[in-house]
Every structure is written in C-alpha cells, then in structure tokens.
Amino acid sequence: MADAHAGHGLETPPWLRRLLIGAAVLVMGLLVVLPLLMVLLSAFGKGFATWWNALTTPDAIAALKLTLFTAAIVIPVNAVFGVFAAWSLTRFEFRGKRALLALVDLPFAVSPVVAGLCLVLLFGSQGWFADFLREHQVKILFARPGIVLATLFITFPFVVRELVPLMQQQGSEEEVVARSLGANAWTMFFRVTLPNIKWGLLYGVLLCGARAMGEFGAVSVVSGHIRGLTNTLPLHIEILYNEFDSTGAFAVSSLLAGLALVTLVLKFWLESRHSDGLASHRRHA
C-alpha cells in the first residue's frame, strides 16, 4: 500500500505532461517538419516538369548512380563485418575488448571532415602509400574507391551498435544448447543466432544505408568534386546551390528527402517488429 501511494505521488501532473508534449511537438515541427515541407514546396514550386528536368540532367543521374553504387558496396560490407564484430564482442572475452568497443565508436566521435583528411594523409600524393599506389597505378582519392572508403568509415558503427545491446540482452543460452546438440558453429549461427538478431540487423542496415546516401563531409574531402564522375547527390546539391540554381538544388534535395521519409517508415516498421521479436523471445525464455 505504501509503495502504491509513493508511486502515485511521483506521477507527473497532467498540465506538465501536456506542456512537455506540446513543447516537443513544437520543436520537432520547427526543426524537422517545417524545413522538410519548405524543401518539398520549393522543389515543386515551378511545376512537376521543372522538377523532373532537374533530376534527369546527366550530372544528376551520374550523382544518383554513384550514390547508389556506394551504398550497394557499403551496406553489405558493413552488415557482414558488423555481425562478426558484434558476435566477437558479445560472445568472447579477450584482452583489448573495451578498446575495440571504443574504436567502433570512433566514427561517431571524429568529424567526417577529419576522417576524409586522414584518408588524404594515407592515400594522397604525399601520403604514406603514395609510392605504392603510384607504382601500381592505383587511384584511391578523387575516384570511387576513396568515396567508398570514406563512407565505410563513417557508417561502420551503425550495425555493430545496434546488434551489441541486442545480443547481450538475448544471451547465449540458445547457442550453447545448439552446440551441445551437435550443431557446428556455422549451423548454430544460421539457425539460432541470425534468426534472433534479424530485425536488429535490418534496422542497423537501414540506418547504415540512410547515412551512406546522405554523407557529405568525408566524401567532400576525398571526391575532388568532379562533375559527372565523383559527385554524389549531396555534393551535387552543393554545386547547384553555389551556382544559384536553387530550383535544381531543391529538386535533388527532395529526392534525398523522399529517401529519408521511406527510411523513416521502414524504421517504424522495423522497430515494431523488433519489439515484437523481443517480447516473443522473453516469453519463450
């Protein structure tokens, strides 16, 4: 009875709840919804034909292809290495485990521009690997490999950081049972581990893909801004804006905004499936 009264005494007053909810909605509306609406209105302000023409220019198509090409490489690579990294961090004890976990968070702490400059120090004309690259005629900077490497560095933590808490929460009891029944490591992974983490993995992949398509800072440093060759969609938007082509800039921006909205819908769906999966796992446990 005393606990019930204590809990009742800690309840938030209705007026305070309404005030906090209203403030949150107001801030989100001003900082997120309103700018997004302004982008869409500006993109379609001169009609659908103008919007479509801005998206079908050769430079815009080349930027879209490069963005999708980069995402198509970055997403599966980060998914595979993210799963293995999360598995190692949650299932094994080894020296330097905390240091490795801290390194996983490094791209979150380092500015993307600094990450791009690090790649320049490694692969630039005066970089550590400059002689080797020059000898073998391999071009990293101002080409697709540099863009892919920069995007890989920036997006690596998303899958790992989504899977580590999930795998820690689930524990390893089911995997131990599978091994005790004679399953080898790969069978255990594909029959037990992967089904348990699939929604978390898809959520991490979704965030990774969204960041890969929208990355600007690191890619801007290593791309060289070569129109039609090394410009991704964010870089193409910057060029259009600097050339005072606001219609084209907003049109291409609306494409990225549309991808963001699709990502948001998928995020809500995956979060609901993820929550349902955790609830089902707890019931079976």
C-alpha atoms as a PDB file:
ATOM      1  CA  MET A   1       0.000   0.000   0.000  1.00  0.00           C
ATOM      2  CA  ALA A   2       2.818   2.388   0.889  1.00  0.00           C
ATOM      3  CA  ASP A   3       4.527   1.655  -2.440  1.00  0.00           C
ATOM      4  CA  ALA A   4       1.307   2.359  -4.296  1.00  0.00           C
ATOM      5  CA  HIS A   5       0.913   5.710  -2.551  1.00  0.00           C
ATOM      6  CA  ALA A   6       4.586   6.520  -3.215  1.00  0.00           C
ATOM      7  CA  GLY A   7       4.191   5.688  -6.904  1.00  0.00           C
ATOM      8  CA  HIS A   8       1.011   7.749  -7.054  1.00  0.00           C
ATOM      9  CA  GLY A   9       2.828  10.671  -5.506  1.00  0.00           C
ATOM     10  CA  LEU A  10       5.514  10.529  -8.200  1.00  0.00           C
ATOM     11  CA  GLU A  11       3.020  10.788 -11.058  1.00  0.00           C
ATOM     12  CA  THR A  12       3.553  13.763 -13.371  1.00  0.00           C
ATOM     13  CA  PRO A  13       0.763  16.349 -13.215  1.00  0.00           C
ATOM     14  CA  PRO A  14      -1.434  16.362 -16.350  1.00  0.00           C
ATOM     15  CA  TRP A  15      -0.659  20.017 -17.131  1.00  0.00           C
ATOM     16  CA  LEU A  16       3.082  19.291 -17.060  1.00  0.00           C
ATOM     17  CA  ARG A  17       2.684  16.289 -19.353  1.00  0.00           C
ATOM     18  CA  ARG A  18       0.724  18.383 -21.846  1.00  0.00           C
ATOM     19  CA  LEU A  19       3.300  21.171 -21.638  1.00  0.00           C
ATOM     20  CA  LEU A  20       6.234  18.829 -22.290  1.00  0.00           C
ATOM     21  CA  ILE A  21       4.459  17.032 -25.131  1.00  0.00           C
ATOM     22  CA  GLY A  22       3.434  20.339 -26.691  1.00  0.00           C
ATOM     23  CA  ALA A  23       6.983  21.687 -26.419  1.00  0.00           C
ATOM     24  CA  ALA A  24       8.401  18.536 -28.022  1.00  0.00           C
ATOM     25  CA  VAL A  25       5.892  18.688 -30.887  1.00  0.00           C
ATOM     26  CA  LEU A  26       6.595  22.402 -31.407  1.00  0.00           C
ATOM     27  CA  VAL A  27      10.365  21.926 -31.508  1.00  0.00           C
ATOM     28  CA  MET A  28      10.127  18.945 -33.876  1.00  0.00           C
ATOM     29  CA  GLY A  29       7.746  20.858 -36.091  1.00  0.00           C
ATOM     30  CA  LEU A  30      10.041  23.883 -36.325  1.00  0.00           C
ATOM     31  CA  LEU A  31      13.322  21.984 -36.693  1.00  0.00           C
ATOM     32  CA  VAL A  32      12.258  18.948 -38.747  1.00  0.00           C
ATOM     33  CA  VAL A  33       8.812  19.127 -40.321  1.00  0.00           C
ATOM     34  CA  LEU A  34       8.838  22.785 -41.425  1.00  0.00           C
ATOM     35  CA  PRO A  35      12.253  22.631 -43.214  1.00  0.00           C
ATOM     36  CA  LEU A  36      11.193  19.410 -44.926  1.00  0.00           C
ATOM     37  CA  LEU A  37       7.964  20.995 -46.135  1.00  0.00           C
ATOM     38  CA  MET A  38       9.889  24.038 -47.378  1.00  0.00           C
ATOM     39  CA  VAL A  39      12.215  21.793 -49.381  1.00  0.00           C
ATOM     40  CA  LEU A  40       9.278  19.976 -50.993  1.00  0.00           C
ATOM     41  CA  LEU A  41       7.389  23.205 -51.734  1.00  0.00           C
ATOM     42  CA  SER A  42      10.482  24.799 -53.270  1.00  0.00           C
ATOM     43  CA  ALA A  43      11.215  21.675 -55.320  1.00  0.00           C
ATOM     44  CA  PHE A  44       7.747  21.575 -56.886  1.00  0.00           C
ATOM     45  CA  GLY A  45       7.155  25.336 -56.875  1.00  0.00           C
ATOM     46  CA  LYS A  46       7.712  25.664 -60.638  1.00  0.00           C
ATOM     47  CA  GLY A  47       5.816  22.536 -61.577  1.00  0.00           C
ATOM     48  CA  PHE A  48       6.457  18.847 -61.989  1.00  0.00           C
ATOM     49  CA  ALA A  49       8.138  19.244 -65.371  1.00  0.00           C
ATOM     50  CA  THR A  50      10.813  21.559 -63.961  1.00  0.00           C
ATOM     51  CA  TRP A  51      11.384  19.184 -61.041  1.00  0.00           C
ATOM     52  CA  TRP A  52      11.703  16.211 -63.379  1.00  0.00           C
ATOM     53  CA  ASN A  53      14.064  18.026 -65.729  1.00  0.00           C
ATOM     54  CA  ALA A  54      16.352  18.878 -62.798  1.00  0.00           C
ATOM     55  CA  LEU A  55      16.501  15.218 -61.796  1.00  0.00           C
ATOM     56  CA  THR A  56      17.171  13.900 -65.305  1.00  0.00           C
ATOM     57  CA  THR A  57      20.192  16.022 -66.181  1.00  0.00           C
ATOM     58  CA  PRO A  58      23.325  13.959 -66.920  1.00  0.00           C
ATOM     59  CA  ASP A  59      25.093  15.251 -63.806  1.00  0.00           C
ATOM     60  CA  ALA A  60      22.131  14.436 -61.557  1.00  0.00           C
ATOM     61  CA  ILE A  61      21.809  10.928 -62.986  1.00  0.00           C
ATOM     62  CA  ALA A  62      25.558  10.353 -62.586  1.00  0.00           C
ATOM     63  CA  ALA A  63      25.383  11.572 -58.966  1.00  0.00           C
ATOM     64  CA  LEU A  64      22.431   9.259 -58.247  1.00  0.00           C
ATOM     65  CA  LYS A  65      24.210   6.278 -59.792  1.00  0.00           C
ATOM     66  CA  LEU A  66      27.364   6.955 -57.762  1.00  0.00           C
ATOM     67  CA  THR A  67      25.333   7.329 -54.561  1.00  0.00           C
ATOM     68  CA  LEU A  68      23.540   4.026 -55.142  1.00  0.00           C
ATOM     69  CA  PHE A  69      26.800   2.350 -56.204  1.00  0.00           C
ATOM     70  CA  THR A  70      28.482   3.438 -52.973  1.00  0.00           C
ATOM     71  CA  ALA A  71      25.533   2.323 -50.848  1.00  0.00           C
ATOM     72  CA  ALA A  72      25.419  -1.037 -52.659  1.00  0.00           C
ATOM     73  CA  ILE A  73      29.019  -1.721 -51.559  1.00  0.00           C
ATOM     74  CA  VAL A  74      28.938  -0.153 -48.108  1.00  0.00           C
ATOM     75  CA  ILE A  75      25.717  -1.777 -46.855  1.00  0.00           C
ATOM     76  CA  PRO A  76      26.632  -5.474 -47.344  1.00  0.00           C
ATOM     77  CA  VAL A  77      30.224  -4.963 -46.196  1.00  0.00           C
ATOM     78  CA  ASN A  78      29.121  -3.220 -43.009  1.00  0.00           C
ATOM     79  CA  ALA A  79      26.401  -5.816 -42.451  1.00  0.00           C
ATOM     80  CA  VAL A  80      28.840  -8.733 -42.618  1.00  0.00           C
ATOM     81  CA  PHE A  81      31.615  -7.148 -40.581  1.00  0.00           C
ATOM     82  CA  GLY A  82      29.089  -5.637 -38.184  1.00  0.00           C
ATOM     83  CA  VAL A  83      27.601  -9.048 -37.396  1.00  0.00           C
ATOM     84  CA  PHE A  84      31.017 -10.638 -36.872  1.00  0.00           C
ATOM     85  CA  ALA A  85      32.221  -7.721 -34.748  1.00  0.00           C
ATOM     86  CA  ALA A  86      29.087  -7.831 -32.587  1.00  0.00           C
ATOM     87  CA  TRP A  87      29.390 -11.607 -32.250  1.00  0.00           C
ATOM     88  CA  SER A  88      33.013 -11.293 -31.150  1.00  0.00           C
ATOM     89  CA  LEU A  89      32.249  -8.513 -28.667  1.00  0.00           C
ATOM     90  CA  THR A  90      29.301 -10.313 -27.060  1.00  0.00           C
ATOM     91  CA  ARG A  91      30.346 -13.946 -27.162  1.00  0.00           C
ATOM     92  CA  PHE A  92      34.072 -13.888 -26.364  1.00  0.00           C
ATOM     93  CA  GLU A  93      36.267 -12.445 -23.655  1.00  0.00           C
ATOM     94  CA  PHE A  94      39.689 -11.229 -24.759  1.00  0.00           C
ATOM     95  CA  ARG A  95      42.259  -8.605 -23.921  1.00  0.00           C
ATOM     96  CA  GLY A  96      41.534  -5.256 -25.502  1.00  0.00           C
ATOM     97  CA  LYS A  97      37.791  -5.876 -25.756  1.00  0.00           C
ATOM     98  CA  ARG A  98      36.912  -2.478 -24.287  1.00  0.00           C
ATOM     99  CA  ALA A  99      39.454  -0.788 -26.542  1.00  0.00           C
ATOM    100  CA  LEU A 100      37.894  -2.471 -29.574  1.00  0.00           C
ATOM    101  CA  LEU A 101      34.434  -1.357 -28.488  1.00  0.00           C
ATOM    102  CA  ALA A 102      35.742   2.184 -28.120  1.00  0.00           C
ATOM    103  CA  LEU A 103      37.258   2.041 -31.618  1.00  0.00           C
ATOM    104  CA  VAL A 104      33.883   1.013 -33.002  1.00  0.00           C
ATOM    105  CA  ASP A 105      32.501   4.320 -31.695  1.00  0.00           C
ATOM    106  CA  LEU A 106      35.375   6.338 -33.176  1.00  0.00           C
ATOM    107  CA  PRO A 107      33.493   7.401 -36.343  1.00  0.00           C
ATOM    108  CA  PHE A 108      30.787   8.871 -34.105  1.00  0.00           C
ATOM    109  CA  ALA A 109      33.357  10.956 -32.242  1.00  0.00           C
ATOM    110  CA  VAL A 110      35.522  12.083 -35.165  1.00  0.00           C
ATOM    111  CA  SER A 111      34.303  14.777 -37.539  1.00  0.00           C
ATOM    112  CA  PRO A 112      33.636  13.380 -41.039  1.00  0.00           C
ATOM    113  CA  VAL A 113      35.908  16.058 -42.464  1.00  0.00           C
ATOM    114  CA  VAL A 114      38.749  14.819 -40.241  1.00  0.00           C
ATOM    115  CA  ALA A 115      38.070  11.278 -41.457  1.00  0.00           C
ATOM    116  CA  GLY A 116      38.410  12.477 -45.035  1.00  0.00           C
ATOM    117  CA  LEU A 117      41.669  14.257 -44.232  1.00  0.00           C
ATOM    118  CA  CYS A 118      43.011  11.039 -42.688  1.00  0.00           C
ATOM    119  CA  LEU A 119      42.361   9.277 -45.987  1.00  0.00           C
ATOM    120  CA  VAL A 120      44.205  12.074 -47.777  1.00  0.00           C
ATOM    121  CA  LEU A 121      47.207  11.554 -45.456  1.00  0.00           C
ATOM    122  CA  LEU A 122      47.154   7.846 -46.264  1.00  0.00           C
ATOM    123  CA  PHE A 123      46.415   7.786 -49.990  1.00  0.00           C
ATOM    124  CA  GLY A 124      47.221  11.315 -51.213  1.00  0.00           C
ATOM    125  CA  SER A 125      50.122  12.251 -53.467  1.00  0.00           C
ATOM    126  CA  GLN A 126      52.286  12.822 -50.361  1.00  0.00           C
ATOM    127  CA  GLY A 127      50.643  10.122 -48.248  1.00  0.00           C
ATOM    128  CA  TRP A 128      52.052   7.005 -46.637  1.00  0.00           C
ATOM    129  CA  PHE A 129      51.025   4.732 -49.518  1.00  0.00           C
ATOM    130  CA  ALA A 130      51.689   7.229 -52.297  1.00  0.00           C
ATOM    131  CA  ASP A 131      54.721   5.410 -53.744  1.00  0.00           C
ATOM    132  CA  PHE A 132      52.975   2.030 -53.710  1.00  0.00           C
ATOM    133  CA  LEU A 133      49.850   3.417 -55.358  1.00  0.00           C
ATOM    134  CA  ARG A 134      51.873   5.320 -57.945  1.00  0.00           C
ATOM    135  CA  GLU A 135      53.970   2.243 -58.744  1.00  0.00           C
ATOM    136  CA  HIS A 136      50.901   0.040 -59.267  1.00  0.00           C
ATOM    137  CA  GLN A 137      48.850   2.818 -60.923  1.00  0.00           C
ATOM    138  CA  VAL A 138      46.083   2.580 -58.361  1.00  0.00           C
ATOM    139  CA  LYS A 139      43.953   5.663 -57.784  1.00  0.00           C
ATOM    140  CA  ILE A 140      42.130   6.000 -54.469  1.00  0.00           C
ATOM    141  CA  LEU A 141      41.488   9.698 -53.958  1.00  0.00           C
ATOM    142  CA  PHE A 142      39.301  11.675 -56.365  1.00  0.00           C
ATOM    143  CA  ALA A 143      37.838   8.388 -57.548  1.00  0.00           C
ATOM    144  CA  ARG A 144      35.220   5.864 -56.468  1.00  0.00           C
ATOM    145  CA  PRO A 145      37.491   3.850 -54.131  1.00  0.00           C
ATOM    146  CA  GLY A 146      38.110   6.905 -51.955  1.00  0.00           C
ATOM    147  CA  ILE A 147      34.399   7.684 -51.758  1.00  0.00           C
ATOM    148  CA  VAL A 148      33.613   4.088 -50.779  1.00  0.00           C
ATOM    149  CA  LEU A 149      36.357   4.020 -48.122  1.00  0.00           C
ATOM    150  CA  ALA A 150      35.217   7.316 -46.610  1.00  0.00           C
ATOM    151  CA  THR A 151      31.606   6.132 -46.484  1.00  0.00           C
ATOM    152  CA  LEU A 152      32.632   2.788 -44.996  1.00  0.00           C
ATOM    153  CA  PHE A 153      34.448   4.523 -42.164  1.00  0.00           C
ATOM    154  CA  ILE A 154      31.540   6.828 -41.356  1.00  0.00           C
ATOM    155  CA  THR A 155      28.841   4.127 -41.454  1.00  0.00           C
ATOM    156  CA  PHE A 156      30.644   1.197 -39.823  1.00  0.00           C
ATOM    157  CA  PRO A 157      29.300   1.667 -36.251  1.00  0.00           C
ATOM    158  CA  PHE A 158      25.585   1.532 -37.104  1.00  0.00           C
ATOM    159  CA  VAL A 159      25.198  -2.231 -37.460  1.00  0.00           C
ATOM    160  CA  VAL A 160      27.578  -3.044 -34.596  1.00  0.00           C
ATOM    161  CA  ARG A 161      25.966  -0.586 -32.200  1.00  0.00           C
ATOM    162  CA  GLU A 162      22.512  -1.938 -32.981  1.00  0.00           C
ATOM    163  CA  LEU A 163      23.477  -5.591 -32.529  1.00  0.00           C
ATOM    164  CA  VAL A 164      25.712  -5.478 -29.443  1.00  0.00           C
ATOM    165  CA  PRO A 165      22.983  -4.477 -26.913  1.00  0.00           C
ATOM    166  CA  LEU A 166      20.516  -6.861 -28.549  1.00  0.00           C
ATOM    167  CA  MET A 167      22.876  -9.850 -28.402  1.00  0.00           C
ATOM    168  CA  GLN A 168      23.878  -9.013 -24.839  1.00  0.00           C
ATOM    169  CA  GLN A 169      20.229  -8.913 -23.818  1.00  0.00           C
ATOM    170  CA  GLN A 170      19.402 -12.203 -25.533  1.00  0.00           C
ATOM    171  CA  GLY A 171      22.367 -14.035 -24.038  1.00  0.00           C
ATOM    172  CA  SER A 172      23.991 -17.175 -25.430  1.00  0.00           C
ATOM    173  CA  GLU A 173      21.867 -19.915 -23.832  1.00  0.00           C
ATOM    174  CA  GLU A 174      20.199 -20.987 -27.085  1.00  0.00           C
ATOM    175  CA  GLU A 175      23.541 -21.089 -28.871  1.00  0.00           C
ATOM    176  CA  VAL A 176      25.038 -23.233 -26.103  1.00  0.00           C
ATOM    177  CA  VAL A 177      22.103 -25.644 -26.390  1.00  0.00           C
ATOM    178  CA  ALA A 178      22.557 -25.843 -30.159  1.00  0.00           C
ATOM    179  CA  ARG A 179      26.266 -26.650 -29.785  1.00  0.00           C
ATOM    180  CA  SER A 180      25.510 -29.263 -27.114  1.00  0.00           C
ATOM    181  CA  LEU A 181      23.123 -30.966 -29.555  1.00  0.00           C
ATOM    182  CA  GLY A 182      25.909 -31.295 -32.118  1.00  0.00           C
ATOM    183  CA  ALA A 183      25.495 -28.194 -34.294  1.00  0.00           C
ATOM    184  CA  ASN A 184      28.702 -26.737 -35.667  1.00  0.00           C
ATOM    185  CA  ALA A 185      29.492 -23.033 -35.491  1.00  0.00           C
ATOM    186  CA  TRP A 186      28.000 -22.119 -38.873  1.00  0.00           C
ATOM    187  CA  THR A 187      24.828 -24.140 -38.306  1.00  0.00           C
ATOM    188  CA  MET A 188      24.419 -22.507 -34.907  1.00  0.00           C
ATOM    189  CA  PHE A 189      24.887 -19.073 -36.455  1.00  0.00           C
ATOM    190  CA  PHE A 190      22.417 -19.506 -39.320  1.00  0.00           C
ATOM    191  CA  ARG A 191      19.788 -21.496 -37.377  1.00  0.00           C
ATOM    192  CA  VAL A 192      19.936 -19.754 -33.976  1.00  0.00           C
ATOM    193  CA  THR A 193      21.910 -16.506 -33.880  1.00  0.00           C
ATOM    194  CA  LEU A 194      20.845 -14.934 -37.171  1.00  0.00           C
ATOM    195  CA  PRO A 195      17.070 -15.506 -36.729  1.00  0.00           C
ATOM    196  CA  ASN A 196      17.263 -13.936 -33.255  1.00  0.00           C
ATOM    197  CA  ILE A 197      19.019 -10.798 -34.460  1.00  0.00           C
ATOM    198  CA  LYS A 198      17.446 -10.387 -37.904  1.00  0.00           C
ATOM    199  CA  TRP A 199      15.243  -7.391 -37.042  1.00  0.00           C
ATOM    200  CA  GLY A 200      18.055  -5.605 -35.231  1.00  0.00           C
ATOM    201  CA  LEU A 201      20.352  -6.352 -38.170  1.00  0.00           C
ATOM    202  CA  LEU A 202      17.851  -4.955 -40.664  1.00  0.00           C
ATOM    203  CA  TYR A 203      17.420  -1.859 -38.506  1.00  0.00           C
ATOM    204  CA  GLY A 204      21.182  -1.294 -38.411  1.00  0.00           C
ATOM    205  CA  VAL A 205      21.425  -1.859 -42.169  1.00  0.00           C
ATOM    206  CA  LEU A 206      18.642   0.681 -42.705  1.00  0.00           C
ATOM    207  CA  LEU A 207      20.454   3.339 -40.683  1.00  0.00           C
ATOM    208  CA  CYS A 208      23.716   2.495 -42.439  1.00  0.00           C
ATOM    209  CA  GLY A 209      22.115   2.906 -45.860  1.00  0.00           C
ATOM    210  CA  ALA A 210      20.489   6.205 -44.933  1.00  0.00           C
ATOM    211  CA  ARG A 211      23.789   7.635 -43.709  1.00  0.00           C
ATOM    212  CA  ALA A 212      25.682   6.269 -46.722  1.00  0.00           C
ATOM    213  CA  MET A 213      23.386   8.058 -49.169  1.00  0.00           C
ATOM    214  CA  GLY A 214      23.431  11.307 -47.214  1.00  0.00           C
ATOM    215  CA  GLU A 215      27.107  11.511 -46.215  1.00  0.00           C
ATOM    216  CA  PHE A 216      28.726  14.810 -47.165  1.00  0.00           C
ATOM    217  CA  GLY A 217      31.785  15.796 -45.082  1.00  0.00           C
ATOM    218  CA  ALA A 218      34.185  12.896 -45.583  1.00  0.00           C
ATOM    219  CA  VAL A 219      33.112  12.322 -49.187  1.00  0.00           C
ATOM    220  CA  SER A 220      33.552  16.018 -49.972  1.00  0.00           C
ATOM    221  CA  VAL A 221      37.220  15.871 -48.950  1.00  0.00           C
ATOM    222  CA  VAL A 222      38.167  12.791 -50.983  1.00  0.00           C
ATOM    223  CA  SER A 223      35.934  13.165 -54.068  1.00  0.00           C
ATOM    224  CA  GLY A 224      37.577  16.058 -55.853  1.00  0.00           C
ATOM    225  CA  HIS A 225      34.117  17.377 -56.892  1.00  0.00           C
ATOM    226  CA  ILE A 226      34.445  16.160 -60.481  1.00  0.00           C
ATOM    227  CA  ARG A 227      31.058  16.699 -62.096  1.00  0.00           C
ATOM    228  CA  GLY A 228      29.602  13.568 -63.607  1.00  0.00           C
ATOM    229  CA  LEU A 229      32.305  11.374 -62.078  1.00  0.00           C
ATOM    230  CA  THR A 230      32.874  11.783 -58.332  1.00  0.00           C
ATOM    231  CA  ASN A 231      29.894  13.828 -57.150  1.00  0.00           C
ATOM    232  CA  THR A 232      27.328  12.055 -55.017  1.00  0.00           C
ATOM    233  CA  LEU A 233      23.860  13.528 -54.537  1.00  0.00           C
ATOM    234  CA  PRO A 234      24.809  15.697 -51.517  1.00  0.00           C
ATOM    235  CA  LEU A 235      27.821  17.093 -53.390  1.00  0.00           C
ATOM    236  CA  HIS A 236      25.715  17.698 -56.481  1.00  0.00           C
ATOM    237  CA  ILE A 237      23.224  19.661 -54.365  1.00  0.00           C
ATOM    238  CA  GLU A 238      26.044  21.828 -53.030  1.00  0.00           C
ATOM    239  CA  ILE A 239      27.280  22.609 -56.543  1.00  0.00           C
ATOM    240  CA  LEU A 240      23.797  23.533 -57.759  1.00  0.00           C
ATOM    241  CA  TYR A 241      23.250  25.781 -54.749  1.00  0.00           C
ATOM    242  CA  ASN A 242      26.620  27.508 -55.211  1.00  0.00           C
ATOM    243  CA  GLU A 243      25.709  28.142 -58.861  1.00  0.00           C
ATOM    244  CA  PHE A 244      22.451  29.800 -57.725  1.00  0.00           C
ATOM    245  CA  ASP A 245      20.372  27.039 -59.314  1.00  0.00           C
ATOM    246  CA  SER A 246      18.010  26.870 -56.353  1.00  0.00           C
ATOM    247  CA  THR A 247      15.313  25.017 -58.287  1.00  0.00           C
ATOM    248  CA  GLY A 248      17.693  22.224 -59.230  1.00  0.00           C
ATOM    249  CA  ALA A 249      19.197  22.112 -55.744  1.00  0.00           C
ATOM    250  CA  PHE A 250      15.781  21.799 -54.098  1.00  0.00           C
ATOM    251  CA  ALA A 251      14.666  19.233 -56.671  1.00  0.00           C
ATOM    252  CA  VAL A 252      17.610  16.947 -55.929  1.00  0.00           C
ATOM    253  CA  SER A 253      17.187  17.666 -52.215  1.00  0.00           C
ATOM    254  CA  SER A 254      13.588  16.467 -52.467  1.00  0.00           C
ATOM    255  CA  LEU A 255      14.892  13.154 -53.767  1.00  0.00           C
ATOM    256  CA  LEU A 256      17.059  12.726 -50.686  1.00  0.00           C
ATOM    257  CA  ALA A 257      14.149  13.897 -48.519  1.00  0.00           C
ATOM    258  CA  GLY A 258      11.958  11.257 -50.137  1.00  0.00           C
ATOM    259  CA  LEU A 259      14.553   8.604 -49.353  1.00  0.00           C
ATOM    260  CA  ALA A 260      14.593   9.886 -45.766  1.00  0.00           C
ATOM    261  CA  LEU A 261      10.807   9.553 -45.499  1.00  0.00           C
ATOM    262  CA  VAL A 262      10.950   5.991 -46.849  1.00  0.00           C
ATOM    263  CA  THR A 263      13.695   5.267 -44.329  1.00  0.00           C
ATOM    264  CA  LEU A 264      11.527   6.701 -41.553  1.00  0.00           C
ATOM    265  CA  VAL A 265       8.569   4.485 -42.479  1.00  0.00           C
ATOM    266  CA  LEU A 266      10.792   1.406 -42.636  1.00  0.00           C
ATOM    267  CA  LYS A 267      12.349   2.419 -39.315  1.00  0.00           C
ATOM    268  CA  PHE A 268       8.959   2.486 -37.581  1.00  0.00           C
ATOM    269  CA  TRP A 269       8.049  -0.871 -39.103  1.00  0.00           C
ATOM    270  CA  LEU A 270      11.337  -2.496 -38.105  1.00  0.00           C
ATOM    271  CA  GLU A 271      11.107  -1.053 -34.592  1.00  0.00           C
ATOM    272  CA  SER A 272       7.659  -2.595 -34.171  1.00  0.00           C
ATOM    273  CA  ARG A 273       8.843  -5.960 -35.474  1.00  0.00           C
ATOM    274  CA  HIS A 274      11.965  -5.700 -33.323  1.00  0.00           C
ATOM    275  CA  SER A 275       9.857  -5.038 -30.222  1.00  0.00           C
ATOM    276  CA  ASP A 276       7.537  -7.929 -31.077  1.00  0.00           C
ATOM    277  CA  GLY A 277      10.560 -10.193 -31.534  1.00  0.00           C
ATOM    278  CA  LEU A 278      11.992  -9.247 -28.146  1.00  0.00           C
ATOM    279  CA  ALA A 279       8.642  -9.826 -26.452  1.00  0.00           C
ATOM    280  CA  SER A 280       8.326 -13.229 -28.095  1.00  0.00           C
ATOM    281  CA  HIS A 281      11.881 -14.114 -27.073  1.00  0.00           C
ATOM    282  CA  ARG A 282      11.155 -13.184 -23.440  1.00  0.00           C
ATOM    283  CA  ARG A 283       8.006 -15.337 -23.429  1.00  0.00           C
ATOM    284  CA  HIS A 284       9.885 -18.343 -24.771  1.00  0.00           C
ATOM    285  CA  ALA A 285      12.718 -17.722 -22.293  1.00  0.00           C
END
